[in-house]
Amino acid sequence: MVLICDYGKQATIKTSWTNRNPGRRFYCCPSCGFIGWTDPPMCCRAVAVIPGLLRARNELEEELEEQLRLMREKDQQLKKLNKFLIFSWVFFFIVFKLL
């Protein structure tokens, strides 16, 4: 269904992520702003639970990003140590060969 605002522009459907209306879809016009809801209001329990779930998910995503950053740092350190190990073995071999 296409909804036209008072200015004759086509409204788009967006999703609200506020604590009061989490996950609720609404019509929005670039000129007018909010026009109206596309779906019925959520029950009180859903309004109470969904924001907590979204916060927990966001915290988990942040933790995952931090762990990935730490893993990349450790990987870089490991590469440096591997290069040092190879260099030390080559140096040892050259010194041992010269003796």
Protein backbone atom coordinates (compact mmCIF):
# COMPACT_ATOMS: atom_id res chain seq x y z
CA MET A 1 0.00 0.00 0.00
CA VAL A 2 1.39 3.40 -0.96
CA LEU A 3 0.64 6.31 1.35
CA ILE A 4 0.83 9.91 0.11
CA CYS A 5 1.38 12.70 2.64
CA ASP A 6 -0.31 16.13 2.74
CA TYR A 7 2.50 17.54 0.54
CA GLY A 8 1.89 14.90 -2.14
CA LYS A 9 5.08 12.95 -1.42
CA GLN A 10 5.24 9.20 -1.02
CA ALA A 11 5.78 8.05 2.56
CA THR A 12 8.26 5.30 3.35
CA ILE A 13 7.96 2.59 5.97
CA LYS A 14 10.52 2.73 8.77
CA THR A 15 10.99 0.81 12.01
CA SER A 16 10.98 2.39 15.44
CA TRP A 17 13.61 1.20 17.92
CA THR A 18 12.59 3.41 20.83
CA ASN A 19 11.93 1.84 24.22
CA ARG A 20 8.25 2.72 23.94
CA ASN A 21 7.68 1.26 20.43
CA PRO A 22 10.45 -1.28 19.76
CA GLY A 23 10.19 -2.95 16.36
CA ARG A 24 7.03 -1.11 15.37
CA ARG A 25 6.74 -0.02 11.75
CA PHE A 26 5.45 3.40 10.79
CA TYR A 27 4.93 5.63 7.77
CA CYS A 28 7.37 8.50 7.47
CA CYS A 29 7.46 11.37 4.98
CA PRO A 30 10.73 13.19 4.16
CA SER A 31 8.89 16.52 4.55
CA CYS A 32 6.28 15.86 7.23
CA GLY A 33 8.06 13.30 9.36
CA PHE A 34 5.90 10.79 11.24
CA ILE A 35 2.53 10.07 9.64
CA GLY A 36 1.13 6.96 11.29
CA TRP A 37 1.69 3.39 12.39
CA THR A 38 1.43 0.47 9.95
CA ASP A 39 0.91 -2.16 12.60
CA PRO A 40 -1.07 -2.32 15.87
CA PRO A 41 0.51 -1.41 19.22
CA MET A 42 2.54 -4.10 20.98
CA CYS A 43 1.48 -5.65 24.25
CA CYS A 44 3.02 -4.30 27.46
CA ARG A 45 5.18 -7.38 27.94
CA ALA A 46 6.77 -7.05 24.50
CA VAL A 47 7.45 -3.36 25.12
CA ALA A 48 9.16 -4.32 28.39
CA VAL A 49 11.21 -7.25 27.03
CA ILE A 50 12.37 -6.18 23.56
CA PRO A 51 14.54 -3.20 24.63
CA GLY A 52 16.41 -5.43 27.09
CA LEU A 53 17.00 -8.02 24.40
CA LEU A 54 18.25 -5.35 22.01
CA ARG A 55 20.63 -3.95 24.64
CA ALA A 56 21.96 -7.43 25.42
CA ARG A 57 22.49 -8.11 21.72
CA ASN A 58 24.31 -4.81 21.26
CA GLU A 59 26.55 -5.57 24.24
CA LEU A 60 27.37 -8.99 22.79
CA GLU A 61 28.21 -7.45 19.42
CA GLU A 62 30.51 -4.92 21.11
CA GLU A 63 32.22 -7.71 23.04
CA LEU A 64 32.64 -9.70 19.84
CA GLU A 65 34.26 -6.71 18.12
CA GLU A 66 36.63 -6.29 21.07
CA GLN A 67 37.57 -9.98 21.00
CA LEU A 68 38.18 -9.82 17.25
CA ARG A 69 40.41 -6.78 17.74
CA LEU A 70 42.40 -8.59 20.43
CA MET A 71 42.69 -11.67 18.23
CA ARG A 72 44.06 -9.57 15.34
CA GLU A 73 46.63 -8.02 17.70
CA LYS A 74 47.69 -11.47 18.92
CA ASP A 75 47.94 -12.67 15.33
CA GLN A 76 50.25 -9.77 14.48
CA GLN A 77 52.42 -10.56 17.52
CA LEU A 78 52.58 -14.21 16.50
CA LYS A 79 53.70 -13.27 12.99
CA LYS A 80 56.47 -11.09 14.45
CA LEU A 81 57.62 -13.91 16.71
CA ASN A 82 57.63 -16.37 13.80
CA LYS A 83 59.83 -14.00 11.79
CA PHE A 84 62.18 -13.62 14.74
CA LEU A 85 62.35 -17.40 15.16
CA ILE A 86 63.18 -17.93 11.49
CA PHE A 87 65.80 -15.17 11.62
CA SER A 88 67.39 -16.69 14.75
CA TRP A 89 67.58 -20.16 13.14
CA VAL A 90 69.14 -18.72 9.99
CA PHE A 91 71.63 -16.77 12.11
CA PHE A 92 72.41 -19.88 14.18
CA PHE A 93 72.91 -21.94 11.02
CA ILE A 94 75.28 -19.35 9.50
CA VAL A 95 77.32 -19.05 12.71
CA PHE A 96 77.45 -22.82 13.15
CA LYS A 97 78.52 -23.29 9.53
CA LEU A 98 81.36 -20.77 9.89
CA LEU A 99 82.85 -22.54 12.90
